[in-house]
Amino acid sequence: MTGNVIVGQSGGPTAVINSSLAGVFKTAKDRGAKKVYGMIHGIKGLLDGEYVDLSNKIQTDIDIDLLKRTPSSFLGSCRYKLPEVEGNEATYTKIFEKLNELEIQYFFYIGGNDSMDTIKKLSDYGKSINSDIKFMGVPKTIDNDLAVTDHTPGFGSAAKYIASTMKEIIRDGLVYDYPTITIVEIMGRNAGWLTAAAALAKGEDCEGVDMIYLPEKVFDIDQFMNHVKAVSTKGRSMVIAISEGIKVADGRYVFELSDHVEFVDAFGHKQLAGSAKFLANKIGSELGIKTRAVELSTMQRCAGHMTSRTDITEAFNVGGAAVKAAFEGESGRVVVLKRISDDPYMCITETHDVHDIANIEKKVPLEWITDDDYVTDELIRYIRPLIQAELSPIMVDGLPRHLNVNM
């Protein structure tokens, strides 16, 4: 490498996003990068002049190992949408002036759909002004909704946490000699991959969840209530998994059927929460059954004590692959994972044009969702390899040790 590197993290964190950061940093240093800068709070931080020299923060192999095991975004994150170039040229001029001041040759952005939109816009603008800066996307999202790639780093660990937690909720929910209903709300706006992972809880030691509802299919409240009533009349307790983004036929989210305070982010995304609570209240009032609503919330993406070794390894590898591709002259591309074998499980990295990935959501195929409110064995087989093996935290004084950019 002849120039400097800058890397940022954007969007919702994951338990392994810092492993990708470690992959970018270590590979860039190994390949001779002069400096590796980190944007504080992503592209918004760069615009505000907030960045750090990562060599001052990551100094030893132990630091790299700690970084790989540290959940959430080490550099901080943002939900900042770059405007279209036309009419906003000053924003892009400012970004490229800052990159040139830092002598940046290689720009890496770790994130999901919206982050890949940033890579697309920057790489396209860079071409229009004949900039030689290379822009590469490094995939991450627990939602697993990026197009082209087999799956996204971050999803496997979140799926592992969800399946493990569902087993514990099921054990707790089935202890009484009278029927109870537990509804667990799992992240997933338009794609139900995470909620589908609840199906992995079923095994020789666990009954599994009774019903699974994904946003890919219209949620029929009357059918749902009839199903719950039919099972409860047999004296059975139930554990039900729902995606936060399930919608009724008129397009409203289920949580919108109740009074709620609405928050919309810079990308126009509504904050989703409350569907489980709404349904629990409805069951309690109409069927008179003791019902509990559980929101796994941010634990799905920050549970560093429940990471998949497969996931954390692949996260590191895609960071390194992005550096390698940029060093070889690629730009405007995203590293993707290609599954080449299920047994034994094996994925390789490739790169793909960002225009085929940015702003495109990959949803659960409808053929993987059953008519009896569950998912198919094919979907379970797709997810299961991604949760395999563990990488335990480094424990100090009984608690996990993390790397903190501010310390």
Foldseek 3Di string as FASTA:
>chain_A
DPFAEEEEEADWWFQQLLLLVLLQVVLCVVVPHPWYKYQQAPPVSLLVVHIDGCCVQQPDPVSSVQSRLATTTQRHYYDDADDQCVPPVVSLVSNVVSCVVRRAQEYEYEEAQRRLVVQLRNQVVCVVVVHNRFYEYEYADLQQWWPPFLGTQRVLLLLQVLLVVLQVVQVVQFPDQAAEEEEEEEEYAQAFLSQQSQQVNDDPVGPGADFEETQPDADDLVVVLVVVLVVRVVRYYGYYYYYLNHHHPVGDGQQVVDDDDWDADPVRDTDTDDNQVSSQVVCCVPVVHHYHYHYCPPCSRRVSQRGAPLSSVVSSVQSNVRNVVVVVPHHQKYKHWDWDDLVVTDIDIDIDHSVVTHPGTHHDPPQQADPSRHGDVVSVSSNVVSNHDDDGADDDPRHHDHRHPVD
